[in-house]
Amino acid sequence: MKDRATLRLIVNDIYKGNQLRSVQQYEGFYLRNYGYYESRQLRLNFTYRFTNGALKGPRSRNASLENENNRAR
């Protein structure tokens, strides 16, 4: 692969940090709720660059007004 490939392993929310806790209390009623969202993610990214690393310079662009001026001479 000669320094053209990249492999990345990304893990999100390892400790179940996205939790929900609530307490509701009414006359004769008590509710305590606990939960967590399914927010854990494991991603594996593979990137490969097809170029050889040599970049081309910017194209020279001529305005249409310059072309008209050159044609009139």
PDB file of N, CA and C in Angstrom:
ATOM      1  N   MET A   1       0.812  -1.188   0.000  1.00  0.00           N
ATOM      2  CA  MET A   1       0.000   0.000   0.000  1.00  0.00           C
ATOM      3  C   MET A   1       0.864   1.263   0.000  1.00  0.00           C
ATOM      4  N   LYS A   2       2.076   1.160   0.410  1.00  0.00           N
ATOM      5  CA  LYS A   2       3.094   2.218   0.305  1.00  0.00           C
ATOM      6  C   LYS A   2       2.607   3.596   0.740  1.00  0.00           C
ATOM      7  N   ASP A   3       2.199   3.768   1.971  1.00  0.00           N
ATOM      8  CA  ASP A   3       1.795   5.047   2.557  1.00  0.00           C
ATOM      9  C   ASP A   3       0.603   5.694   1.853  1.00  0.00           C
ATOM     10  N   ARG A   4      -0.185   4.945   1.147  1.00  0.00           N
ATOM     11  CA  ARG A   4      -1.376   5.493   0.488  1.00  0.00           C
ATOM     12  C   ARG A   4      -2.654   5.096   1.219  1.00  0.00           C
ATOM     13  N   ALA A   5      -2.584   4.132   2.086  1.00  0.00           N
ATOM     14  CA  ALA A   5      -3.785   3.635   2.767  1.00  0.00           C
ATOM     15  C   ALA A   5      -3.770   4.054   4.237  1.00  0.00           C
ATOM     16  N   THR A   6      -4.971   4.306   4.755  1.00  0.00           N
ATOM     17  CA  THR A   6      -5.150   4.648   6.160  1.00  0.00           C
ATOM     18  C   THR A   6      -6.286   3.807   6.706  1.00  0.00           C
ATOM     19  N   LEU A   7      -6.077   3.219   7.868  1.00  0.00           N
ATOM     20  CA  LEU A   7      -7.088   2.425   8.535  1.00  0.00           C
ATOM     21  C   LEU A   7      -7.321   3.034   9.916  1.00  0.00           C
ATOM     22  N   ARG A   8      -8.578   3.371  10.236  1.00  0.00           N
ATOM     23  CA  ARG A   8      -8.907   4.011  11.509  1.00  0.00           C
ATOM     24  C   ARG A   8     -10.005   3.231  12.204  1.00  0.00           C
ATOM     25  N   LEU A   9      -9.850   3.062  13.506  1.00  0.00           N
ATOM     26  CA  LEU A   9     -10.857   2.435  14.343  1.00  0.00           C
ATOM     27  C   LEU A   9     -11.362   3.491  15.317  1.00  0.00           C
ATOM     28  N   ILE A  10     -12.663   3.760  15.316  1.00  0.00           N
ATOM     29  CA  ILE A  10     -13.257   4.811  16.133  1.00  0.00           C
ATOM     30  C   ILE A  10     -14.349   4.185  16.997  1.00  0.00           C
ATOM     31  N   VAL A  11     -14.289   4.485  18.299  1.00  0.00           N
ATOM     32  CA  VAL A  11     -15.274   3.982  19.250  1.00  0.00           C
ATOM     33  C   VAL A  11     -15.902   5.176  19.953  1.00  0.00           C
ATOM     34  N   ASN A  12     -17.239   5.231  20.003  1.00  0.00           N
ATOM     35  CA  ASN A  12     -17.974   6.310  20.668  1.00  0.00           C
ATOM     36  C   ASN A  12     -18.758   5.759  21.845  1.00  0.00           C
ATOM     37  N   ASP A  13     -18.849   6.547  22.907  1.00  0.00           N
ATOM     38  CA  ASP A  13     -19.673   6.273  24.084  1.00  0.00           C
ATOM     39  C   ASP A  13     -19.355   4.913  24.708  1.00  0.00           C
ATOM     40  N   ILE A  14     -18.118   4.726  25.102  1.00  0.00           N
ATOM     41  CA  ILE A  14     -17.679   3.459  25.683  1.00  0.00           C
ATOM     42  C   ILE A  14     -18.379   3.196  27.017  1.00  0.00           C
ATOM     43  N   TYR A  15     -18.573   4.236  27.815  1.00  0.00           N
ATOM     44  CA  TYR A  15     -19.080   4.078  29.177  1.00  0.00           C
ATOM     45  C   TYR A  15     -20.579   4.334  29.308  1.00  0.00           C
ATOM     46  N   LYS A  16     -21.328   4.239  28.228  1.00  0.00           N
ATOM     47  CA  LYS A  16     -22.768   4.493  28.223  1.00  0.00           C
ATOM     48  C   LYS A  16     -23.064   5.859  28.838  1.00  0.00           C
ATOM     49  N   GLY A  17     -22.426   6.888  28.350  1.00  0.00           N
ATOM     50  CA  GLY A  17     -22.561   8.225  28.902  1.00  0.00           C
ATOM     51  C   GLY A  17     -23.875   8.896  28.599  1.00  0.00           C
ATOM     52  N   ASN A  18     -24.599   8.420  27.634  1.00  0.00           N
ATOM     53  CA  ASN A  18     -25.864   9.029  27.237  1.00  0.00           C
ATOM     54  C   ASN A  18     -27.007   8.347  28.002  1.00  0.00           C
ATOM     55  N   GLN A  19     -27.174   8.725  29.272  1.00  0.00           N
ATOM     56  CA  GLN A  19     -28.137   8.056  30.139  1.00  0.00           C
ATOM     57  C   GLN A  19     -29.343   8.945  30.418  1.00  0.00           C
ATOM     58  N   LEU A  20     -30.422   8.306  30.799  1.00  0.00           N
ATOM     59  CA  LEU A  20     -31.660   8.991  31.134  1.00  0.00           C
ATOM     60  C   LEU A  20     -32.088   8.533  32.519  1.00  0.00           C
ATOM     61  N   ARG A  21     -32.294   9.486  33.407  1.00  0.00           N
ATOM     62  CA  ARG A  21     -32.802   9.187  34.745  1.00  0.00           C
ATOM     63  C   ARG A  21     -33.925  10.168  35.048  1.00  0.00           C
ATOM     64  N   SER A  22     -35.024   9.665  35.574  1.00  0.00           N
ATOM     65  CA  SER A  22     -36.132  10.558  35.923  1.00  0.00           C
ATOM     66  C   SER A  22     -36.858  10.008  37.139  1.00  0.00           C
ATOM     67  N   VAL A  23     -37.429  10.924  37.906  1.00  0.00           N
ATOM     68  CA  VAL A  23     -38.245  10.578  39.068  1.00  0.00           C
ATOM     69  C   VAL A  23     -39.533  11.378  38.968  1.00  0.00           C
ATOM     70  N   GLN A  24     -40.664  10.689  39.094  1.00  0.00           N
ATOM     71  CA  GLN A  24     -41.967  11.341  39.076  1.00  0.00           C
ATOM     72  C   GLN A  24     -42.693  10.959  40.363  1.00  0.00           C
ATOM     73  N   GLN A  25     -43.215  11.952  41.015  1.00  0.00           N
ATOM     74  CA  GLN A  25     -43.866  11.696  42.288  1.00  0.00           C
ATOM     75  C   GLN A  25     -45.176  12.482  42.352  1.00  0.00           C
ATOM     76  N   TYR A  26     -46.258  11.750  42.532  1.00  0.00           N
ATOM     77  CA  TYR A  26     -47.587  12.338  42.672  1.00  0.00           C
ATOM     78  C   TYR A  26     -48.210  11.801  43.953  1.00  0.00           C
ATOM     79  N   GLU A  27     -49.389  12.213  44.233  1.00  0.00           N
ATOM     80  CA  GLU A  27     -50.092  11.730  45.411  1.00  0.00           C
ATOM     81  C   GLU A  27     -50.348  10.232  45.303  1.00  0.00           C
ATOM     82  N   GLY A  28     -49.682   9.466  46.115  1.00  0.00           N
ATOM     83  CA  GLY A  28     -49.857   8.016  46.096  1.00  0.00           C
ATOM     84  C   GLY A  28     -49.168   7.322  44.936  1.00  0.00           C
ATOM     85  N   PHE A  29     -48.294   8.021  44.246  1.00  0.00           N
ATOM     86  CA  PHE A  29     -47.622   7.437  43.069  1.00  0.00           C
ATOM     87  C   PHE A  29     -46.172   7.867  43.060  1.00  0.00           C
ATOM     88  N   TYR A  30     -45.270   6.909  42.900  1.00  0.00           N
ATOM     89  CA  TYR A  30     -43.834   7.207  42.832  1.00  0.00           C
ATOM     90  C   TYR A  30     -43.244   6.367  41.706  1.00  0.00           C
ATOM     91  N   LEU A  31     -42.556   7.026  40.779  1.00  0.00           N
ATOM     92  CA  LEU A  31     -41.963   6.325  39.637  1.00  0.00           C
ATOM     93  C   LEU A  31     -40.529   6.779  39.465  1.00  0.00           C
ATOM     94  N   ARG A  32     -39.650   5.832  39.439  1.00  0.00           N
ATOM     95  CA  ARG A  32     -38.235   6.122  39.197  1.00  0.00           C
ATOM     96  C   ARG A  32     -37.833   5.368  37.942  1.00  0.00           C
ATOM     97  N   ASN A  33     -37.265   6.077  36.982  1.00  0.00           N
ATOM     98  CA  ASN A  33     -36.954   5.495  35.674  1.00  0.00           C
ATOM     99  C   ASN A  33     -35.478   5.675  35.375  1.00  0.00           C
ATOM    100  N   TYR A  34     -34.893   4.660  34.787  1.00  0.00           N
ATOM    101  CA  TYR A  34     -33.480   4.708  34.396  1.00  0.00           C
ATOM    102  C   TYR A  34     -33.340   4.004  33.063  1.00  0.00           C
ATOM    103  N   GLY A  35     -32.545   4.587  32.186  1.00  0.00           N
ATOM    104  CA  GLY A  35     -32.303   3.952  30.896  1.00  0.00           C
ATOM    105  C   GLY A  35     -31.162   4.630  30.182  1.00  0.00           C
ATOM    106  N   TYR A  36     -30.805   4.076  29.070  1.00  0.00           N
ATOM    107  CA  TYR A  36     -29.766   4.685  28.251  1.00  0.00           C
ATOM    108  C   TYR A  36     -30.092   4.426  26.786  1.00  0.00           C
ATOM    109  N   TYR A  37     -29.617   5.318  25.979  1.00  0.00           N
ATOM    110  CA  TYR A  37     -29.848   5.222  24.537  1.00  0.00           C
ATOM    111  C   TYR A  37     -28.798   4.320  23.911  1.00  0.00           C
ATOM    112  N   GLU A  38     -29.137   3.749  22.810  1.00  0.00           N
ATOM    113  CA  GLU A  38     -28.186   2.929  22.059  1.00  0.00           C
ATOM    114  C   GLU A  38     -27.268   3.854  21.264  1.00  0.00           C
ATOM    115  N   SER A  39     -26.302   4.421  21.938  1.00  0.00           N
ATOM    116  CA  SER A  39     -25.431   5.392  21.291  1.00  0.00           C
ATOM    117  C   SER A  39     -24.000   4.875  21.118  1.00  0.00           C
ATOM    118  N   ARG A  40     -23.753   3.670  21.505  1.00  0.00           N
ATOM    119  CA  ARG A  40     -22.411   3.117  21.304  1.00  0.00           C
ATOM    120  C   ARG A  40     -22.202   2.842  19.822  1.00  0.00           C
ATOM    121  N   GLN A  41     -21.035   3.211  19.357  1.00  0.00           N
ATOM    122  CA  GLN A  41     -20.715   2.985  17.949  1.00  0.00           C
ATOM    123  C   GLN A  41     -19.286   2.492  17.832  1.00  0.00           C
ATOM    124  N   LEU A  42     -19.076   1.598  16.915  1.00  0.00           N
ATOM    125  CA  LEU A  42     -17.757   1.119  16.549  1.00  0.00           C
ATOM    126  C   LEU A  42     -17.649   1.276  15.046  1.00  0.00           C
ATOM    127  N   ARG A  43     -16.708   2.114  14.598  1.00  0.00           N
ATOM    128  CA  ARG A  43     -16.560   2.380  13.164  1.00  0.00           C
ATOM    129  C   ARG A  43     -15.154   2.030  12.715  1.00  0.00           C
ATOM    130  N   LEU A  44     -15.069   1.459  11.553  1.00  0.00           N
ATOM    131  CA  LEU A  44     -13.794   1.132  10.936  1.00  0.00           C
ATOM    132  C   LEU A  44     -13.748   1.819   9.575  1.00  0.00           C
ATOM    133  N   ASN A  45     -12.806   2.749   9.398  1.00  0.00           N
ATOM    134  CA  ASN A  45     -12.689   3.509   8.150  1.00  0.00           C
ATOM    135  C   ASN A  45     -11.422   3.092   7.424  1.00  0.00           C
ATOM    136  N   PHE A  46     -11.564   2.881   6.135  1.00  0.00           N
ATOM    137  CA  PHE A  46     -10.424   2.580   5.275  1.00  0.00           C
ATOM    138  C   PHE A  46     -10.380   3.629   4.173  1.00  0.00           C
ATOM    139  N   THR A  47      -9.253   4.317   4.037  1.00  0.00           N
ATOM    140  CA  THR A  47      -9.081   5.357   3.031  1.00  0.00           C
ATOM    141  C   THR A  47      -7.871   5.016   2.184  1.00  0.00           C
ATOM    142  N   TYR A  48      -8.033   5.163   0.873  1.00  0.00           N
ATOM    143  CA  TYR A  48      -6.924   4.913  -0.043  1.00  0.00           C
ATOM    144  C   TYR A  48      -6.812   6.075  -1.012  1.00  0.00           C
ATOM    145  N   ARG A  49      -5.601   6.637  -1.141  1.00  0.00           N
ATOM    146  CA  ARG A  49      -5.353   7.747  -2.057  1.00  0.00           C
ATOM    147  C   ARG A  49      -4.810   7.185  -3.372  1.00  0.00           C
ATOM    148  N   PHE A  50      -5.478   7.521  -4.462  1.00  0.00           N
ATOM    149  CA  PHE A  50      -5.086   7.003  -5.767  1.00  0.00           C
ATOM    150  C   PHE A  50      -4.047   7.868  -6.462  1.00  0.00           C
ATOM    151  N   THR A  51      -3.830   9.090  -5.993  1.00  0.00           N
ATOM    152  CA  THR A  51      -2.874   9.972  -6.662  1.00  0.00           C
ATOM    153  C   THR A  51      -1.459   9.581  -6.290  1.00  0.00           C
ATOM    154  N   ASN A  52      -0.512  10.049  -7.108  1.00  0.00           N
ATOM    155  CA  ASN A  52       0.881   9.752  -6.821  1.00  0.00           C
ATOM    156  C   ASN A  52       1.528  10.810  -5.941  1.00  0.00           C
ATOM    157  N   GLY A  53       0.784  11.818  -5.545  1.00  0.00           N
ATOM    158  CA  GLY A  53       1.299  12.836  -4.641  1.00  0.00           C
ATOM    159  C   GLY A  53       1.752  14.102  -5.336  1.00  0.00           C
ATOM    160  N   ALA A  54       2.025  14.062  -6.625  1.00  0.00           N
ATOM    161  CA  ALA A  54       2.447  15.259  -7.357  1.00  0.00           C
ATOM    162  C   ALA A  54       1.199  16.072  -7.704  1.00  0.00           C
ATOM    163  N   LEU A  55       1.161  17.297  -7.255  1.00  0.00           N
ATOM    164  CA  LEU A  55       0.004  18.149  -7.518  1.00  0.00           C
ATOM    165  C   LEU A  55       0.267  19.049  -8.705  1.00  0.00           C
ATOM    166  N   LYS A  56      -0.748  19.257  -9.488  1.00  0.00           N
ATOM    167  CA  LYS A  56      -0.645  20.182 -10.610  1.00  0.00           C
ATOM    168  C   LYS A  56      -0.821  21.595 -10.108  1.00  0.00           C
ATOM    169  N   GLY A  57      -0.195  22.524 -10.784  1.00  0.00           N
ATOM    170  CA  GLY A  57      -0.359  23.927 -10.439  1.00  0.00           C
ATOM    171  C   GLY A  57      -1.716  24.431 -10.863  1.00  0.00           C
ATOM    172  N   PRO A  58      -2.105  25.598 -10.420  1.00  0.00           N
ATOM    173  CA  PRO A  58      -3.416  26.126 -10.802  1.00  0.00           C
ATOM    174  C   PRO A  58      -3.450  26.457 -12.292  1.00  0.00           C
ATOM    175  N   ARG A  59      -4.626  26.243 -12.886  1.00  0.00           N
ATOM    176  CA  ARG A  59      -4.792  26.568 -14.298  1.00  0.00           C
ATOM    177  C   ARG A  59      -4.750  28.068 -14.488  1.00  0.00           C
ATOM    178  N   SER A  60      -4.184  28.490 -15.591  1.00  0.00           N
ATOM    179  CA  SER A  60      -4.228  29.926 -15.877  1.00  0.00           C
ATOM    180  C   SER A  60      -5.544  30.201 -16.607  1.00  0.00           C
ATOM    181  N   ARG A  61      -6.286  31.119 -16.080  1.00  0.00           N
ATOM    182  CA  ARG A  61      -7.583  31.452 -16.667  1.00  0.00           C
ATOM    183  C   ARG A  61      -7.505  32.866 -17.213  1.00  0.00           C
ATOM    184  N   ASN A  62      -7.963  33.026 -18.401  1.00  0.00           N
ATOM    185  CA  ASN A  62      -7.999  34.340 -19.027  1.00  0.00           C
ATOM    186  C   ASN A  62      -9.434  34.829 -19.055  1.00  0.00           C
ATOM    187  N   ALA A  63      -9.598  36.060 -18.693  1.00  0.00           N
ATOM    188  CA  ALA A  63     -10.933  36.641 -18.735  1.00  0.00           C
ATOM    189  C   ALA A  63     -11.309  36.908 -20.185  1.00  0.00           C
ATOM    190  N   SER A  64     -12.574  36.922 -20.467  1.00  0.00           N
ATOM    191  CA  SER A  64     -13.034  37.156 -21.839  1.00  0.00           C
ATOM    192  C   SER A  64     -12.675  38.571 -22.291  1.00  0.00           C
ATOM    193  N   LEU A  65     -12.576  39.515 -21.361  1.00  0.00           N
ATOM    194  CA  LEU A  65     -12.192  40.875 -21.716  1.00  0.00           C
ATOM    195  C   LEU A  65     -10.744  40.915 -22.219  1.00  0.00           C
ATOM    196  N   GLU A  66      -9.879  40.121 -21.607  1.00  0.00           N
ATOM    197  CA  GLU A  66      -8.488  40.058 -22.083  1.00  0.00           C
ATOM    198  C   GLU A  66      -8.427  39.477 -23.482  1.00  0.00           C
ATOM    199  N   ASN A  67      -9.230  38.470 -23.740  1.00  0.00           N
ATOM    200  CA  ASN A  67      -9.256  37.869 -25.083  1.00  0.00           C
ATOM    201  C   ASN A  67      -9.709  38.873 -26.123  1.00  0.00           C
ATOM    202  N   GLU A  68     -10.699  39.671 -25.804  1.00  0.00           N
ATOM    203  CA  GLU A  68     -11.190  40.701 -26.739  1.00  0.00           C
ATOM    204  C   GLU A  68     -10.136  41.742 -26.984  1.00  0.00           C
ATOM    205  N   ASN A  69      -9.417  42.155 -25.952  1.00  0.00           N
ATOM    206  CA  ASN A  69      -8.371  43.148 -26.125  1.00  0.00           C
ATOM    207  C   ASN A  69      -7.244  42.625 -27.006  1.00  0.00           C
ATOM    208  N   ASN A  70      -6.874  41.377 -26.831  1.00  0.00           N
ATOM    209  CA  ASN A  70      -5.815  40.784 -27.651  1.00  0.00           C
ATOM    210  C   ASN A  70      -6.255  40.627 -29.104  1.00  0.00           C
ATOM    211  N   ARG A  71      -7.518  40.346 -29.327  1.00  0.00           N
ATOM    212  CA  ARG A  71      -8.028  40.165 -30.683  1.00  0.00           C
ATOM    213  C   ARG A  71      -8.108  41.505 -31.421  1.00  0.00           C
ATOM    214  N   ALA A  72      -8.382  42.579 -30.699  1.00  0.00           N
ATOM    215  CA  ALA A  72      -8.530  43.903 -31.324  1.00  0.00           C
ATOM    216  C   ALA A  72      -7.184  44.478 -31.761  1.00  0.00           C
ATOM    217  N   ARG A  73      -6.115  44.042 -31.208  1.00  0.00           N
ATOM    218  CA  ARG A  73      -4.791  44.585 -31.553  1.00  0.00           C
ATOM    219  C   ARG A  73      -4.329  44.154 -32.904  1.00  0.00           C
TER     220      ARG A  73
END
